[in-house]
């Protein structure tokens, strides 16, 4: 079953770091991982 993790919060609170850490951990456990950025700023 697919799971979706969403990291929200103001800028500078570590969202990117947490998302990458979670993705890395899941990948190390053999899970398939897709990271997607939905931030509209360039």
N, C-alpha and C. Protein backbone atom coordinates (compact mmCIF):
# COMPACT_ATOMS: atom_id res chain seq x y z
N UNK A 1 0.84 -1.17 0.00
CA UNK A 1 0.00 0.00 0.00
C UNK A 1 0.89 1.24 0.00
N UNK A 2 0.54 2.23 -0.79
CA UNK A 2 1.31 3.47 -0.88
C UNK A 2 1.09 4.34 0.34
N UNK A 3 2.14 5.04 0.73
CA UNK A 3 2.06 6.00 1.82
C UNK A 3 2.57 7.34 1.32
N UNK A 4 1.99 8.41 1.81
CA UNK A 4 2.42 9.76 1.45
C UNK A 4 2.83 10.48 2.72
N UNK A 5 4.06 10.98 2.75
CA UNK A 5 4.54 11.78 3.87
C UNK A 5 4.62 13.22 3.40
N UNK A 6 4.11 14.13 4.20
CA UNK A 6 4.14 15.55 3.86
C UNK A 6 4.84 16.30 4.98
N UNK A 7 5.78 17.14 4.61
CA UNK A 7 6.50 17.96 5.58
C UNK A 7 6.08 19.41 5.36
N UNK A 8 5.48 20.03 6.38
CA UNK A 8 5.03 21.41 6.25
C UNK A 8 5.65 22.26 7.35
N UNK A 9 5.64 23.53 7.15
CA UNK A 9 6.18 24.46 8.13
C UNK A 9 6.75 25.69 7.44
N UNK A 10 7.13 26.65 8.22
CA UNK A 10 7.71 27.87 7.68
C UNK A 10 9.09 27.57 7.10
N UNK A 11 9.60 28.51 6.33
CA UNK A 11 10.93 28.37 5.76
C UNK A 11 12.00 28.30 6.84
N UNK A 12 13.04 27.53 6.57
CA UNK A 12 14.17 27.46 7.49
C UNK A 12 13.98 26.56 8.69
N UNK A 13 12.96 25.69 8.66
CA UNK A 13 12.72 24.81 9.81
C UNK A 13 13.21 23.38 9.57
N UNK A 14 13.83 23.13 8.41
CA UNK A 14 14.41 21.81 8.16
C UNK A 14 13.54 20.86 7.36
N UNK A 15 12.56 21.36 6.63
CA UNK A 15 11.68 20.48 5.85
C UNK A 15 12.46 19.64 4.85
N UNK A 16 13.35 20.28 4.10
CA UNK A 16 14.12 19.56 3.09
C UNK A 16 15.01 18.51 3.74
N UNK A 17 15.67 18.88 4.82
CA UNK A 17 16.54 17.95 5.53
C UNK A 17 15.76 16.75 6.04
N UNK A 18 14.60 16.99 6.62
CA UNK A 18 13.78 15.89 7.14
C UNK A 18 13.25 15.01 6.01
N UNK A 19 12.84 15.62 4.91
CA UNK A 19 12.32 14.85 3.78
C UNK A 19 13.41 13.95 3.20
N UNK A 20 14.62 14.48 3.05
CA UNK A 20 15.72 13.69 2.51
C UNK A 20 16.10 12.58 3.47
N UNK A 21 16.15 12.88 4.76
CA UNK A 21 16.49 11.86 5.76
C UNK A 21 15.45 10.73 5.77
N UNK A 22 14.18 11.08 5.70
CA UNK A 22 13.12 10.07 5.69
C UNK A 22 13.20 9.22 4.42
N UNK A 23 13.43 9.87 3.28
CA UNK A 23 13.54 9.14 2.01
C UNK A 23 14.74 8.20 2.02
N UNK A 24 15.85 8.67 2.54
CA UNK A 24 17.06 7.84 2.61
C UNK A 24 16.84 6.62 3.49
N UNK A 25 16.22 6.84 4.64
CA UNK A 25 15.96 5.74 5.57
C UNK A 25 15.03 4.70 4.94
N UNK A 26 13.96 5.16 4.31
CA UNK A 26 13.02 4.24 3.66
C UNK A 26 13.70 3.47 2.53
N UNK A 27 14.53 4.15 1.74
CA UNK A 27 15.25 3.49 0.65
C UNK A 27 16.21 2.44 1.20
N UNK A 28 16.88 2.73 2.30
CA UNK A 28 17.79 1.77 2.92
C UNK A 28 17.05 0.54 3.43
N UNK A 29 15.78 0.71 3.74
CA UNK A 29 14.95 -0.41 4.20
C UNK A 29 14.31 -1.16 3.03
N UNK A 30 14.67 -0.77 1.80
CA UNK A 30 14.18 -1.46 0.62
C UNK A 30 12.88 -0.93 0.04
N UNK A 31 12.41 0.19 0.57
CA UNK A 31 11.17 0.79 0.05
C UNK A 31 11.48 1.60 -1.21
N UNK A 32 10.50 1.68 -2.09
CA UNK A 32 10.61 2.56 -3.25
C UNK A 32 10.23 3.96 -2.81
N UNK A 33 11.02 4.96 -3.22
CA UNK A 33 10.83 6.33 -2.73
C UNK A 33 10.79 7.30 -3.91
N UNK A 34 9.90 8.27 -3.83
CA UNK A 34 9.84 9.37 -4.78
C UNK A 34 9.75 10.67 -3.99
N UNK A 35 10.69 11.58 -4.24
CA UNK A 35 10.65 12.90 -3.62
C UNK A 35 10.14 13.89 -4.66
N UNK A 36 9.19 14.71 -4.29
CA UNK A 36 8.66 15.73 -5.20
C UNK A 36 8.53 17.05 -4.45
N UNK A 37 8.95 18.12 -5.09
CA UNK A 37 8.85 19.45 -4.50
C UNK A 37 7.63 20.16 -5.06
N UNK A 38 6.81 20.70 -4.20
CA UNK A 38 5.62 21.43 -4.62
C UNK A 38 5.73 22.92 -4.29
N UNK A 39 6.94 23.38 -3.99
CA UNK A 39 7.18 24.78 -3.64
C UNK A 39 7.11 25.63 -4.91
N UNK A 40 6.20 26.61 -4.96
CA UNK A 40 6.06 27.42 -6.17
C UNK A 40 7.17 28.45 -6.38
N UNK A 41 7.96 28.72 -5.35
CA UNK A 41 9.03 29.71 -5.52
C UNK A 41 10.20 29.09 -6.29
N UNK A 42 10.89 29.91 -7.07
CA UNK A 42 11.99 29.40 -7.93
C UNK A 42 13.18 28.92 -7.15
